Amino acid sequence: MINIIGQTVSSQDGAGRTENMALPQYTHPVLCPYLADPFEECYCTSSSSMVVESTIMYCGGDFRKCEIYAKHTSKG
């Protein structure tokens, strides 16, 4: 049996022993790193059909050319 609670996975084996494991941070070399926790102005947060192309282009691959990514990354 596996239960997922927040960022932790709890599993129980046949003997009734429970093991808690932290989930790894998901990263993808092509996707924008802010996709999992986007900013309010990110393209991926809009349901407008006007930003679909930008969402695919920036969030799904060319995020280093995105002005929103650049703005938040340079604040560091």
C-alpha atoms as a PDB file:
ATOM      1  CA  MET A   1       0.000   0.000   0.000  1.00  0.00           C
ATOM      2  CA  ILE A   2       1.339   3.423  -0.972  1.00  0.00           C
ATOM      3  CA  ASN A   3       0.029   6.747   0.322  1.00  0.00           C
ATOM      4  CA  ILE A   4       1.221  10.040  -1.120  1.00  0.00           C
ATOM      5  CA  ILE A   5       0.951  12.948   1.300  1.00  0.00           C
ATOM      6  CA  GLY A   6       2.420  16.256   0.155  1.00  0.00           C
ATOM      7  CA  GLN A   7       6.005  15.556  -0.856  1.00  0.00           C
ATOM      8  CA  THR A   8       6.349  12.287   1.100  1.00  0.00           C
ATOM      9  CA  VAL A   9       5.483   8.738   0.088  1.00  0.00           C
ATOM     10  CA  SER A  10       4.530   6.285   2.793  1.00  0.00           C
ATOM     11  CA  SER A  11       4.545   2.590   1.933  1.00  0.00           C
ATOM     12  CA  GLN A  12       3.703  -0.439   3.999  1.00  0.00           C
ATOM     13  CA  ASP A  13       5.052  -3.894   3.245  1.00  0.00           C
ATOM     14  CA  GLY A  14       3.331  -7.222   3.893  1.00  0.00           C
ATOM     15  CA  ALA A  15       4.791  -7.421   7.409  1.00  0.00           C
ATOM     16  CA  GLY A  16       3.168  -4.121   8.391  1.00  0.00           C
ATOM     17  CA  ARG A  17       6.393  -2.119   8.381  1.00  0.00           C
ATOM     18  CA  THR A  18       6.010   1.474   7.173  1.00  0.00           C
ATOM     19  CA  GLU A  19       8.699   3.362   5.324  1.00  0.00           C
ATOM     20  CA  ASN A  20       8.504   7.094   4.580  1.00  0.00           C
ATOM     21  CA  MET A  21      10.433   8.401   1.615  1.00  0.00           C
ATOM     22  CA  ALA A  22      10.777  11.965   0.337  1.00  0.00           C
ATOM     23  CA  LEU A  23       9.827  12.414  -3.299  1.00  0.00           C
ATOM     24  CA  PRO A  24      12.628  13.704  -5.527  1.00  0.00           C
ATOM     25  CA  GLN A  25      12.315  17.197  -6.972  1.00  0.00           C
ATOM     26  CA  TYR A  26      11.154  16.769 -10.542  1.00  0.00           C
ATOM     27  CA  THR A  27      13.340  18.499 -13.084  1.00  0.00           C
ATOM     28  CA  HIS A  28      13.445  18.173 -16.838  1.00  0.00           C
ATOM     29  CA  PRO A  29      16.309  19.518 -18.935  1.00  0.00           C
ATOM     30  CA  VAL A  30      13.930  21.044 -21.496  1.00  0.00           C
ATOM     31  CA  LEU A  31      10.977  22.313 -19.445  1.00  0.00           C
ATOM     32  CA  CYS A  32      11.037  25.625 -17.613  1.00  0.00           C
ATOM     33  CA  PRO A  33      12.086  25.081 -13.989  1.00  0.00           C
ATOM     34  CA  TYR A  34       9.245  27.386 -12.866  1.00  0.00           C
ATOM     35  CA  LEU A  35       6.603  25.182 -14.518  1.00  0.00           C
ATOM     36  CA  ALA A  36       5.966  23.237 -11.296  1.00  0.00           C
ATOM     37  CA  ASP A  37       5.501  26.447  -9.280  1.00  0.00           C
ATOM     38  CA  PRO A  38       4.814  29.239 -11.797  1.00  0.00           C
ATOM     39  CA  PHE A  39       4.626  32.956 -11.167  1.00  0.00           C
ATOM     40  CA  GLU A  40       1.288  34.710 -11.556  1.00  0.00           C
ATOM     41  CA  GLU A  41       2.305  36.233 -14.895  1.00  0.00           C
ATOM     42  CA  CYS A  42       3.680  32.998 -16.410  1.00  0.00           C
ATOM     43  CA  TYR A  43       2.185  31.947 -19.723  1.00  0.00           C
ATOM     44  CA  CYS A  44       1.232  28.531 -18.348  1.00  0.00           C
ATOM     45  CA  THR A  45      -1.106  30.089 -15.762  1.00  0.00           C
ATOM     46  CA  SER A  46      -3.361  31.596 -18.429  1.00  0.00           C
ATOM     47  CA  SER A  47      -6.261  29.715 -19.963  1.00  0.00           C
ATOM     48  CA  SER A  48      -6.399  32.165 -22.862  1.00  0.00           C
ATOM     49  CA  SER A  49      -5.943  30.729 -26.325  1.00  0.00           C
ATOM     50  CA  MET A  50      -3.893  33.843 -27.112  1.00  0.00           C
ATOM     51  CA  VAL A  51      -0.895  32.523 -25.134  1.00  0.00           C
ATOM     52  CA  VAL A  52      -0.895  28.856 -26.186  1.00  0.00           C
ATOM     53  CA  GLU A  53       1.964  29.376 -28.629  1.00  0.00           C
ATOM     54  CA  SER A  54       4.068  31.205 -26.017  1.00  0.00           C
ATOM     55  CA  THR A  55       3.284  28.523 -23.421  1.00  0.00           C
ATOM     56  CA  ILE A  56       4.510  25.775 -25.717  1.00  0.00           C
ATOM     57  CA  MET A  57       7.519  27.732 -26.932  1.00  0.00           C
ATOM     58  CA  TYR A  58       8.772  29.116 -23.604  1.00  0.00           C
ATOM     59  CA  CYS A  59       7.432  26.821 -20.878  1.00  0.00           C
ATOM     60  CA  GLY A  60       7.922  23.721 -22.951  1.00  0.00           C
ATOM     61  CA  GLY A  61      11.399  24.290 -24.249  1.00  0.00           C
ATOM     62  CA  ASP A  62      12.958  27.665 -24.964  1.00  0.00           C
ATOM     63  CA  PHE A  63      12.548  29.082 -21.451  1.00  0.00           C
ATOM     64  CA  ARG A  64      15.932  30.836 -21.438  1.00  0.00           C
ATOM     65  CA  LYS A  65      14.565  33.276 -24.055  1.00  0.00           C
ATOM     66  CA  CYS A  66      11.409  33.995 -22.018  1.00  0.00           C
ATOM     67  CA  GLU A  67      11.247  37.506 -20.564  1.00  0.00           C
ATOM     68  CA  ILE A  68       9.323  36.245 -17.501  1.00  0.00           C
ATOM     69  CA  TYR A  69      11.984  33.603 -16.780  1.00  0.00           C
ATOM     70  CA  ALA A  70      14.749  36.190 -17.265  1.00  0.00           C
ATOM     71  CA  LYS A  71      13.047  38.698 -14.963  1.00  0.00           C
ATOM     72  CA  HIS A  72      12.705  36.239 -12.076  1.00  0.00           C
ATOM     73  CA  THR A  73      16.057  34.545 -12.595  1.00  0.00           C
ATOM     74  CA  SER A  74      18.009  37.805 -12.583  1.00  0.00           C
ATOM     75  CA  LYS A  75      16.518  38.824  -9.203  1.00  0.00           C
ATOM     76  CA  GLY A  76      18.660  36.116  -7.510  1.00  0.00           C
END
